[in-house]
Amino acid sequence: MPTKAETPKTTDEIPMKALTQLQEAGLGNMMGLGTAWAEAFGDMSSEFASFVADRIKEDVKTQHEVLHCKSVGDLQQIQSQFVQKALEQYQSETGKLFEMSTKMFANVAKDKV
C-alpha cells in the first residue's frame, strides 16, 4: 500500500509519477526525447500507414485482374507483376523508413547534447 508521500497529490503529478517510474524501470530519461522525436515518430507512422494503404490498393487491383484473366499464362503474368511490384515497393519503403529513423535518432542525439 502506498504511503502518503508516494501518492500523487494532484492530477498534474500523476503523469510525472508515471514517467519517474518508467525511468526507474530502466527506460532512461524519456523527457529528453523532445518534440523532434514526437514529430519524427508521427511522420514515420503516417508514412507507414500510407504504404499499407497503397499495398491494399495493389492487392485489390490484382484480385480484380485475376478474376478477369482468360488463361493460365495471363494468371502467371499477373502474379509475376504483383510479386515484382511488391518487392520493389517493400524495398523502397524500407529505405524510406530507415532514412527517416536515422534522421530521427540524429536529431534526438543532437537535442540531448
Protein backbone atom coordinates (compact mmCIF):
# COMPACT_ATOMS: atom_id res chain seq x y z
CA MET A 1 0.00 0.00 0.00
CA PRO A 2 1.46 3.39 -0.98
CA THR A 3 2.31 5.84 1.77
CA LYS A 4 1.11 9.41 1.74
CA ALA A 5 4.50 10.58 0.47
CA GLU A 6 4.28 8.27 -2.57
CA THR A 7 0.69 9.14 -3.52
CA PRO A 8 0.38 11.99 -6.07
CA LYS A 9 -1.42 14.98 -4.59
CA THR A 10 -2.84 16.45 -7.81
CA THR A 11 -3.76 15.19 -11.26
CA ASP A 12 -0.74 17.11 -12.63
CA GLU A 13 1.57 14.93 -10.57
CA ILE A 14 0.19 11.62 -11.91
CA PRO A 15 1.90 11.77 -15.35
CA MET A 16 5.19 12.82 -13.78
CA LYS A 17 4.95 9.97 -11.28
CA ALA A 18 4.38 7.53 -14.16
CA LEU A 19 7.41 8.88 -16.07
CA THR A 20 9.54 8.63 -12.96
CA GLN A 21 8.50 5.00 -12.51
CA LEU A 22 9.37 4.23 -16.15
CA GLN A 23 12.75 5.89 -15.75
CA GLU A 24 13.41 3.88 -12.60
CA ALA A 25 12.44 0.70 -14.51
CA GLY A 26 15.35 1.34 -16.87
CA LEU A 27 13.84 3.32 -19.74
CA GLY A 28 16.06 6.31 -19.07
CA ASN A 29 15.24 9.96 -19.39
CA MET A 30 12.20 9.98 -21.66
CA MET A 31 11.75 13.72 -21.14
CA GLY A 32 14.92 14.28 -23.21
CA LEU A 33 13.33 12.92 -26.37
CA GLY A 34 11.60 16.21 -27.07
CA THR A 35 9.25 17.35 -29.76
CA ALA A 36 11.61 16.47 -32.62
CA TRP A 37 11.28 12.81 -31.70
CA ALA A 38 7.49 13.01 -31.42
CA GLU A 39 7.20 14.74 -34.80
CA ALA A 40 9.54 12.27 -36.50
CA PHE A 41 7.66 9.34 -34.99
CA GLY A 42 4.38 10.83 -36.28
CA ASP A 43 5.89 11.27 -39.74
CA MET A 44 7.08 7.66 -39.75
CA SER A 45 3.67 6.41 -38.64
CA SER A 46 2.00 8.43 -41.39
CA GLU A 47 4.45 7.10 -43.99
CA PHE A 48 3.82 3.52 -42.91
CA ALA A 49 0.03 3.96 -42.96
CA SER A 50 0.25 5.41 -46.47
CA PHE A 51 2.38 2.46 -47.57
CA VAL A 52 -0.11 -0.06 -46.17
CA ALA A 53 -2.98 1.73 -47.94
CA ASP A 54 -1.07 1.60 -51.25
CA ARG A 55 -0.35 -2.11 -50.80
CA ILE A 56 -4.03 -2.83 -50.10
CA LYS A 57 -4.94 -0.98 -53.32
CA GLU A 58 -2.46 -3.19 -55.20
CA ASP A 59 -3.99 -6.30 -53.63
CA VAL A 60 -7.48 -5.31 -54.71
CA LYS A 61 -6.28 -4.40 -58.21
CA THR A 62 -4.53 -7.75 -58.57
CA GLN A 63 -7.57 -9.67 -57.33
CA HIS A 64 -9.68 -7.87 -59.93
CA GLU A 65 -7.20 -8.76 -62.69
CA VAL A 66 -7.10 -12.41 -61.55
CA LEU A 67 -10.89 -12.66 -61.63
CA HIS A 68 -10.92 -11.38 -65.21
CA CYS A 69 -7.97 -13.27 -66.69
CA LYS A 70 -8.69 -15.72 -69.53
CA SER A 71 -5.74 -18.11 -69.39
CA VAL A 72 -3.13 -19.65 -67.14
CA GLY A 73 -0.48 -17.59 -68.94
CA ASP A 74 -2.36 -14.40 -68.05
CA LEU A 75 -2.60 -15.55 -64.43
CA GLN A 76 1.14 -16.19 -64.28
CA GLN A 77 1.87 -12.77 -65.76
CA ILE A 78 -0.44 -11.07 -63.24
CA GLN A 79 1.16 -12.92 -60.34
CA SER A 80 4.66 -12.17 -61.58
CA GLN A 81 3.91 -8.46 -61.93
CA PHE A 82 2.30 -8.42 -58.48
CA VAL A 83 5.31 -10.02 -56.78
CA GLN A 84 7.80 -7.81 -58.64
CA LYS A 85 5.93 -4.61 -57.73
CA ALA A 86 5.53 -5.73 -54.11
CA LEU A 87 9.25 -6.40 -53.79
CA GLU A 88 10.09 -3.01 -55.28
CA GLN A 89 7.63 -1.20 -53.01
CA TYR A 90 8.77 -3.01 -49.85
CA GLN A 91 12.41 -2.31 -50.69
CA SER A 92 11.67 1.35 -51.34
CA GLU A 93 9.61 1.70 -48.16
CA THR A 94 12.28 0.03 -46.07
CA GLY A 95 14.79 2.56 -47.38
CA LYS A 96 12.47 5.47 -46.62
CA LEU A 97 11.77 4.29 -43.07
CA PHE A 98 15.45 3.60 -42.43
CA GLU A 99 16.37 7.10 -43.61
CA MET A 100 13.62 8.67 -41.53
CA SER A 101 14.65 6.75 -38.40
CA THR A 102 18.31 7.65 -38.93
CA LYS A 103 17.39 11.34 -39.10
CA MET A 104 15.13 10.98 -36.08
CA PHE A 105 17.87 9.46 -33.92
CA ALA A 106 20.41 12.01 -35.16
CA ASN A 107 18.05 14.85 -34.18
CA VAL A 108 17.36 13.32 -30.77
CA ALA A 109 21.10 12.90 -30.15
CA LYS A 110 21.73 16.50 -31.27
CA ASP A 111 18.99 17.79 -28.94
CA LYS A 112 20.50 15.92 -25.97
CA VAL A 113 23.98 17.37 -26.47
